[in-house]
Amino acid sequence: MSEATTRPVIVLGYVPGALGDAALAAAVDECGRRDAKLLVINSTRADRTVDVHYAFEPDMERLRTYLEAGGVEHEIRQFTSDQLASDDVLEAAEKADAELIVIGVRRRSPVGKMLMGSDAQRILLQAECNVLAVKA
């Protein structure tokens, strides 16, 4: 394929639940608007024993069904990593030369951000492309 016919890529940082559903709907909408492919990233650090943001099979099956029913060209990457989830999303976006990253955001106190960091904040500040932040 020549560069002129390559479709843009949108990266979705997916987490299960209402936040992930809102980001997913926005990402699918953007794919339709931009005639883009969707790259879904769901990762967790390998040293975490429990991560509420890591999707298990019922969530992944629902995600696949939603994307297939919507006719969205997509790739889903789910894995454990040595990095933060935000780094995995940023790295995937850079490698894919993404046009847009879509993430869900939730309200956090300043103290919560200071103690635990914020994946969304890291993505917003470090992404080389535009970022669409969606609230549930």
N, C-alpha and C. Protein backbone atom coordinates (compact mmCIF):
# COMPACT_ATOMS: atom_id res chain seq x y z
N MET A 1 0.83 -1.18 0.00
CA MET A 1 0.00 0.00 0.00
C MET A 1 0.87 1.24 0.00
N SER A 2 0.50 2.21 -0.76
CA SER A 2 1.25 3.46 -0.74
C SER A 2 0.81 4.29 0.45
N GLU A 3 1.65 5.24 0.81
CA GLU A 3 1.34 6.09 1.96
C GLU A 3 0.05 6.87 1.75
N ALA A 4 -0.24 7.21 0.50
CA ALA A 4 -1.44 8.00 0.19
C ALA A 4 -2.72 7.22 0.48
N THR A 5 -2.66 5.88 0.43
CA THR A 5 -3.86 5.09 0.66
C THR A 5 -3.90 4.44 2.04
N THR A 6 -2.91 4.68 2.87
CA THR A 6 -2.89 4.12 4.22
C THR A 6 -3.91 4.84 5.08
N ARG A 7 -4.74 4.04 5.75
CA ARG A 7 -5.76 4.63 6.63
C ARG A 7 -5.13 5.06 7.95
N PRO A 8 -5.64 6.14 8.52
CA PRO A 8 -5.12 6.59 9.82
C PRO A 8 -5.44 5.56 10.91
N VAL A 9 -4.70 5.65 12.00
CA VAL A 9 -4.89 4.76 13.14
C VAL A 9 -5.29 5.60 14.35
N ILE A 10 -6.28 5.09 15.07
CA ILE A 10 -6.69 5.66 16.35
C ILE A 10 -6.38 4.62 17.41
N VAL A 11 -5.73 5.04 18.49
CA VAL A 11 -5.40 4.15 19.59
C VAL A 11 -6.36 4.42 20.74
N LEU A 12 -6.94 3.35 21.24
CA LEU A 12 -7.84 3.43 22.40
C LEU A 12 -7.17 2.78 23.59
N GLY A 13 -6.97 3.53 24.66
CA GLY A 13 -6.52 2.97 25.93
C GLY A 13 -7.76 2.47 26.65
N TYR A 14 -7.99 1.15 26.61
CA TYR A 14 -9.25 0.57 27.09
C TYR A 14 -9.14 0.06 28.51
N VAL A 15 -10.15 0.41 29.32
CA VAL A 15 -10.34 -0.17 30.65
C VAL A 15 -11.80 -0.64 30.72
N PRO A 16 -12.07 -1.74 31.40
CA PRO A 16 -13.46 -2.21 31.48
C PRO A 16 -14.32 -1.28 32.33
N GLY A 17 -15.60 -1.26 32.04
CA GLY A 17 -16.54 -0.47 32.82
C GLY A 17 -17.05 0.75 32.08
N ALA A 18 -17.77 1.60 32.79
CA ALA A 18 -18.41 2.77 32.19
C ALA A 18 -17.40 3.71 31.55
N LEU A 19 -16.26 3.88 32.17
CA LEU A 19 -15.22 4.75 31.62
C LEU A 19 -14.70 4.21 30.29
N GLY A 20 -14.44 2.92 30.24
CA GLY A 20 -13.99 2.29 29.00
C GLY A 20 -15.05 2.30 27.93
N ASP A 21 -16.30 2.11 28.33
CA ASP A 21 -17.41 2.12 27.36
C ASP A 21 -17.56 3.49 26.71
N ALA A 22 -17.42 4.55 27.51
CA ALA A 22 -17.52 5.91 26.97
C ALA A 22 -16.38 6.19 26.00
N ALA A 23 -15.16 5.78 26.36
CA ALA A 23 -14.01 5.98 25.48
C ALA A 23 -14.15 5.14 24.22
N LEU A 24 -14.65 3.92 24.36
CA LEU A 24 -14.86 3.04 23.20
C LEU A 24 -15.85 3.67 22.22
N ALA A 25 -16.97 4.16 22.72
CA ALA A 25 -17.97 4.78 21.85
C ALA A 25 -17.38 5.99 21.13
N ALA A 26 -16.60 6.79 21.83
CA ALA A 26 -15.98 7.96 21.20
C ALA A 26 -14.96 7.54 20.16
N ALA A 27 -14.18 6.49 20.45
CA ALA A 27 -13.17 6.02 19.50
C ALA A 27 -13.83 5.47 18.24
N VAL A 28 -14.90 4.72 18.38
CA VAL A 28 -15.63 4.18 17.22
C VAL A 28 -16.19 5.32 16.39
N ASP A 29 -16.73 6.33 17.05
CA ASP A 29 -17.26 7.50 16.35
C ASP A 29 -16.16 8.20 15.55
N GLU A 30 -14.99 8.37 16.18
CA GLU A 30 -13.86 9.00 15.49
C GLU A 30 -13.37 8.15 14.32
N CYS A 31 -13.39 6.83 14.47
CA CYS A 31 -12.99 5.94 13.37
C CYS A 31 -13.90 6.15 12.17
N GLY A 32 -15.19 6.27 12.42
CA GLY A 32 -16.14 6.52 11.33
C GLY A 32 -15.91 7.87 10.68
N ARG A 33 -15.67 8.87 11.48
CA ARG A 33 -15.43 10.22 10.97
C ARG A 33 -14.17 10.33 10.13
N ARG A 34 -13.14 9.61 10.56
CA ARG A 34 -11.82 9.73 9.94
C ARG A 34 -11.48 8.58 8.99
N ASP A 35 -12.42 7.62 8.84
CA ASP A 35 -12.16 6.41 8.08
C ASP A 35 -10.86 5.77 8.56
N ALA A 36 -10.79 5.55 9.87
CA ALA A 36 -9.57 5.09 10.52
C ALA A 36 -9.72 3.66 11.05
N LYS A 37 -8.58 3.03 11.29
CA LYS A 37 -8.51 1.74 11.95
C LYS A 37 -8.34 1.99 13.44
N LEU A 38 -8.83 1.06 14.25
CA LEU A 38 -8.75 1.20 15.70
C LEU A 38 -7.77 0.18 16.28
N LEU A 39 -6.86 0.66 17.09
CA LEU A 39 -5.93 -0.19 17.83
C LEU A 39 -6.28 -0.06 19.30
N VAL A 40 -6.76 -1.15 19.90
CA VAL A 40 -7.18 -1.15 21.30
C VAL A 40 -6.04 -1.71 22.15
N ILE A 41 -5.68 -0.97 23.20
CA ILE A 41 -4.63 -1.40 24.12
C ILE A 41 -5.24 -1.58 25.51
N ASN A 42 -5.05 -2.77 26.08
CA ASN A 42 -5.44 -3.03 27.46
C ASN A 42 -4.28 -3.80 28.09
N SER A 43 -3.59 -3.16 29.02
CA SER A 43 -2.41 -3.80 29.62
C SER A 43 -2.39 -3.60 31.12
N THR A 44 -1.57 -4.39 31.76
CA THR A 44 -1.34 -4.25 33.19
C THR A 44 0.12 -4.57 33.47
N ARG A 45 0.63 -4.00 34.53
CA ARG A 45 2.01 -4.31 34.90
C ARG A 45 2.09 -5.74 35.41
N ALA A 46 3.13 -6.43 35.04
CA ALA A 46 3.30 -7.83 35.40
C ALA A 46 3.43 -8.04 36.91
N ASP A 47 3.83 -7.00 37.63
CA ASP A 47 4.01 -7.15 39.08
C ASP A 47 2.74 -6.89 39.88
N ARG A 48 1.64 -6.60 39.20
CA ARG A 48 0.38 -6.35 39.90
C ARG A 48 -0.40 -7.65 40.02
N THR A 49 -0.86 -7.95 41.23
CA THR A 49 -1.63 -9.18 41.40
C THR A 49 -3.09 -8.96 41.04
N VAL A 50 -3.58 -7.75 41.24
CA VAL A 50 -4.95 -7.41 40.88
C VAL A 50 -4.95 -6.01 40.28
N ASP A 51 -5.57 -5.87 39.12
CA ASP A 51 -5.67 -4.57 38.46
C ASP A 51 -7.08 -4.43 37.91
N VAL A 52 -7.86 -3.53 38.49
CA VAL A 52 -9.26 -3.37 38.06
C VAL A 52 -9.37 -2.83 36.64
N HIS A 53 -8.27 -2.32 36.08
CA HIS A 53 -8.30 -1.80 34.72
C HIS A 53 -7.95 -2.84 33.67
N TYR A 54 -7.60 -4.04 34.10
CA TYR A 54 -7.28 -5.11 33.17
C TYR A 54 -8.57 -5.86 32.86
N ALA A 55 -8.89 -5.98 31.59
CA ALA A 55 -10.16 -6.59 31.18
C ALA A 55 -10.04 -8.11 31.18
N PHE A 56 -11.03 -8.78 31.73
CA PHE A 56 -11.07 -10.23 31.70
C PHE A 56 -11.98 -10.68 30.56
N GLU A 57 -12.05 -11.96 30.32
CA GLU A 57 -12.67 -12.49 29.10
C GLU A 57 -14.10 -11.98 28.84
N PRO A 58 -14.99 -11.92 29.81
CA PRO A 58 -16.33 -11.38 29.48
C PRO A 58 -16.26 -9.95 28.93
N ASP A 59 -15.38 -9.12 29.49
CA ASP A 59 -15.22 -7.75 29.00
C ASP A 59 -14.63 -7.75 27.59
N MET A 60 -13.66 -8.61 27.36
CA MET A 60 -13.01 -8.67 26.05
C MET A 60 -13.98 -9.19 24.98
N GLU A 61 -14.79 -10.16 25.34
CA GLU A 61 -15.77 -10.69 24.38
C GLU A 61 -16.79 -9.61 24.02
N ARG A 62 -17.24 -8.86 25.02
CA ARG A 62 -18.19 -7.76 24.78
C ARG A 62 -17.55 -6.70 23.88
N LEU A 63 -16.29 -6.41 24.11
CA LEU A 63 -15.55 -5.44 23.30
C LEU A 63 -15.46 -5.92 21.85
N ARG A 64 -15.05 -7.17 21.65
CA ARG A 64 -14.96 -7.72 20.29
C ARG A 64 -16.31 -7.70 19.58
N THR A 65 -17.35 -8.10 20.28
CA THR A 65 -18.69 -8.14 19.70
C THR A 65 -19.14 -6.74 19.28
N TYR A 66 -18.89 -5.76 20.13
CA TYR A 66 -19.26 -4.37 19.84
C TYR A 66 -18.55 -3.86 18.59
N LEU A 67 -17.25 -4.12 18.49
CA LEU A 67 -16.48 -3.64 17.35
C LEU A 67 -16.87 -4.36 16.06
N GLU A 68 -17.07 -5.67 16.14
CA GLU A 68 -17.47 -6.42 14.95
C GLU A 68 -18.85 -6.02 14.47
N ALA A 69 -19.78 -5.82 15.41
CA ALA A 69 -21.13 -5.39 15.04
C ALA A 69 -21.12 -4.01 14.39
N GLY A 70 -20.19 -3.16 14.83
CA GLY A 70 -20.09 -1.82 14.27
C GLY A 70 -19.29 -1.76 12.98
N GLY A 71 -18.74 -2.89 12.56
CA GLY A 71 -17.97 -2.92 11.32
C GLY A 71 -16.67 -2.14 11.38
N VAL A 72 -16.10 -2.00 12.57
CA VAL A 72 -14.88 -1.22 12.75
C VAL A 72 -13.66 -2.13 12.51
N GLU A 73 -12.79 -1.72 11.59
CA GLU A 73 -11.54 -2.45 11.42
C GLU A 73 -10.70 -2.20 12.67
N HIS A 74 -10.29 -3.29 13.31
CA HIS A 74 -9.62 -3.12 14.61
C HIS A 74 -8.60 -4.21 14.88
N GLU A 75 -7.75 -3.90 15.82
CA GLU A 75 -6.81 -4.87 16.40
C GLU A 75 -6.84 -4.65 17.90
N ILE A 76 -6.91 -5.75 18.64
CA ILE A 76 -6.92 -5.66 20.10
C ILE A 76 -5.63 -6.26 20.62
N ARG A 77 -4.93 -5.50 21.44
CA ARG A 77 -3.71 -5.99 22.08
C ARG A 77 -3.91 -5.95 23.59
N GLN A 78 -3.88 -7.12 24.18
CA GLN A 78 -4.02 -7.23 25.64
C GLN A 78 -2.83 -8.01 26.15
N PHE A 79 -2.14 -7.45 27.15
CA PHE A 79 -0.90 -8.07 27.59
C PHE A 79 -0.48 -7.56 28.96
N THR A 80 0.46 -8.27 29.57
CA THR A 80 1.12 -7.77 30.77
C THR A 80 2.43 -7.13 30.32
N SER A 81 2.88 -6.19 31.12
CA SER A 81 4.01 -5.36 30.71
C SER A 81 4.87 -5.00 31.91
N ASP A 82 6.08 -4.58 31.64
CA ASP A 82 6.94 -4.06 32.70
C ASP A 82 6.73 -2.56 32.89
N GLN A 83 5.92 -1.95 32.02
CA GLN A 83 5.70 -0.50 32.04
C GLN A 83 4.34 -0.16 32.65
N LEU A 84 4.12 1.12 32.83
CA LEU A 84 2.80 1.61 33.19
C LEU A 84 1.89 1.50 31.97
N ALA A 85 0.59 1.38 32.19
CA ALA A 85 -0.36 1.30 31.09
C ALA A 85 -0.25 2.52 30.18
N SER A 86 -0.01 3.67 30.76
CA SER A 86 0.13 4.89 29.96
C SER A 86 1.31 4.78 29.00
N ASP A 87 2.40 4.21 29.46
CA ASP A 87 3.57 4.03 28.59
C ASP A 87 3.26 3.06 27.45
N ASP A 88 2.47 2.02 27.75
CA ASP A 88 2.08 1.06 26.71
C ASP A 88 1.24 1.75 25.64
N VAL A 89 0.31 2.60 26.05
CA VAL A 89 -0.54 3.33 25.10
C VAL A 89 0.30 4.29 24.27
N LEU A 90 1.17 5.04 24.93
CA LEU A 90 2.03 6.00 24.22
C LEU A 90 2.94 5.29 23.22
N GLU A 91 3.52 4.17 23.63
CA GLU A 91 4.41 3.42 22.75
C GLU A 91 3.65 2.86 21.54
N ALA A 92 2.46 2.33 21.77
CA ALA A 92 1.65 1.81 20.67
C ALA A 92 1.28 2.92 19.69
N ALA A 93 0.92 4.08 20.22
CA ALA A 93 0.55 5.21 19.36
C ALA A 93 1.73 5.68 18.52
N GLU A 94 2.91 5.72 19.15
CA GLU A 94 4.10 6.15 18.42
C GLU A 94 4.45 5.15 17.31
N LYS A 95 4.44 3.87 17.63
CA LYS A 95 4.79 2.85 16.64
C LYS A 95 3.79 2.80 15.48
N ALA A 96 2.53 3.05 15.77
CA ALA A 96 1.49 3.01 14.74
C ALA A 96 1.35 4.34 14.01
N ASP A 97 2.11 5.35 14.44
CA ASP A 97 1.99 6.71 13.89
C ASP A 97 0.53 7.16 13.97
N ALA A 98 -0.03 6.99 15.16
CA ALA A 98 -1.45 7.27 15.39
C ALA A 98 -1.79 8.73 15.16
N GLU A 99 -2.99 8.94 14.68
CA GLU A 99 -3.52 10.28 14.47
C GLU A 99 -4.18 10.79 15.74
N LEU A 100 -4.65 9.86 16.58
CA LEU A 100 -5.41 10.23 17.77
C LEU A 100 -5.31 9.11 18.80
N ILE A 101 -5.27 9.50 20.08
CA ILE A 101 -5.41 8.57 21.20
C ILE A 101 -6.71 8.92 21.90
N VAL A 102 -7.50 7.92 22.24
CA VAL A 102 -8.74 8.13 22.98
C VAL A 102 -8.61 7.43 24.32
N ILE A 103 -8.89 8.17 25.39
CA ILE A 103 -8.82 7.62 26.75
C ILE A 103 -10.02 8.09 27.55
N GLY A 104 -10.37 7.32 28.55
CA GLY A 104 -11.37 7.74 29.51
C GLY A 104 -10.69 8.42 30.68
N VAL A 105 -11.33 9.42 31.24
CA VAL A 105 -10.78 10.13 32.39
C VAL A 105 -11.83 10.19 33.50
N ARG A 106 -11.33 10.18 34.70
CA ARG A 106 -12.21 10.32 35.87
C ARG A 106 -11.64 11.39 36.78
N ARG A 107 -12.47 11.89 37.62
CA ARG A 107 -12.05 12.93 38.55
C ARG A 107 -11.19 12.30 39.65
N ARG A 108 -10.07 12.95 39.92
CA ARG A 108 -9.19 12.51 41.02
C ARG A 108 -8.77 13.73 41.81
N SER A 109 -8.58 13.53 43.08
CA SER A 109 -8.12 14.63 43.92
C SER A 109 -6.65 14.90 43.63
N PRO A 110 -6.18 16.12 43.90
CA PRO A 110 -4.76 16.41 43.71
C PRO A 110 -3.86 15.47 44.52
N VAL A 111 -4.28 15.12 45.74
CA VAL A 111 -3.49 14.21 46.57
C VAL A 111 -3.45 12.82 45.92
N GLY A 112 -4.59 12.36 45.39
CA GLY A 112 -4.63 11.06 44.72
C GLY A 112 -3.69 11.02 43.53
N LYS A 113 -3.63 12.10 42.77
CA LYS A 113 -2.71 12.17 41.62
C LYS A 113 -1.26 12.16 42.08
N MET A 114 -0.99 12.88 43.18
CA MET A 114 0.37 12.97 43.67
C MET A 114 0.86 11.61 44.17
N LEU A 115 0.01 10.90 44.90
CA LEU A 115 0.42 9.63 45.49
C LEU A 115 0.47 8.49 44.47
N MET A 116 -0.47 8.46 43.54
CA MET A 116 -0.57 7.33 42.64
C MET A 116 -0.28 7.68 41.18
N GLY A 117 -0.06 8.94 40.88
CA GLY A 117 0.16 9.32 39.49
C GLY A 117 -1.14 9.28 38.71
N SER A 118 -1.07 9.57 37.46
CA SER A 118 -2.26 9.56 36.62
C SER A 118 -1.86 9.12 35.22
N ASP A 119 -2.33 7.94 34.81
CA ASP A 119 -2.06 7.48 33.45
C ASP A 119 -2.60 8.47 32.44
N ALA A 120 -3.81 8.97 32.68
CA ALA A 120 -4.42 9.91 31.74
C ALA A 120 -3.57 11.18 31.62
N GLN A 121 -3.09 11.68 32.73
CA GLN A 121 -2.27 12.89 32.72
C GLN A 121 -0.98 12.65 31.93
N ARG A 122 -0.35 11.51 32.14
CA ARG A 122 0.89 11.18 31.40
C ARG A 122 0.62 11.14 29.90
N ILE A 123 -0.49 10.52 29.51
CA ILE A 123 -0.82 10.44 28.08
C ILE A 123 -1.09 11.82 27.52
N LEU A 124 -1.87 12.62 28.23
CA LEU A 124 -2.20 13.97 27.76
C LEU A 124 -0.94 14.82 27.58
N LEU A 125 0.01 14.70 28.48
CA LEU A 125 1.20 15.55 28.44
C LEU A 125 2.30 15.02 27.51
N GLN A 126 2.36 13.71 27.31
CA GLN A 126 3.49 13.15 26.57
C GLN A 126 3.17 12.68 25.16
N ALA A 127 1.91 12.59 24.80
CA ALA A 127 1.55 12.08 23.47
C ALA A 127 2.05 13.00 22.38
N GLU A 128 2.51 12.40 21.30
CA GLU A 128 2.97 13.15 20.12
C GLU A 128 1.79 13.53 19.22
N CYS A 129 0.65 12.87 19.41
CA CYS A 129 -0.53 13.16 18.59
C CYS A 129 -1.63 13.76 19.48
N ASN A 130 -2.75 14.09 18.88
CA ASN A 130 -3.87 14.61 19.64
C ASN A 130 -4.44 13.52 20.55
N VAL A 131 -5.02 13.96 21.67
CA VAL A 131 -5.64 13.05 22.63
C VAL A 131 -7.07 13.51 22.88
N LEU A 132 -8.01 12.57 22.79
CA LEU A 132 -9.39 12.84 23.12
C LEU A 132 -9.67 12.20 24.48
N ALA A 133 -9.94 13.02 25.49
CA ALA A 133 -10.22 12.54 26.83
C ALA A 133 -11.73 12.57 27.04
N VAL A 134 -12.30 11.42 27.41
CA VAL A 134 -13.74 11.26 27.49
C VAL A 134 -14.13 10.93 28.93
N LYS A 135 -15.18 11.58 29.42
CA LYS A 135 -15.72 11.25 30.74
C LYS A 135 -16.85 10.24 30.57
N ALA A 136 -17.02 9.40 31.61
CA ALA A 136 -18.10 8.41 31.57
C ALA A 136 -19.45 9.10 31.65
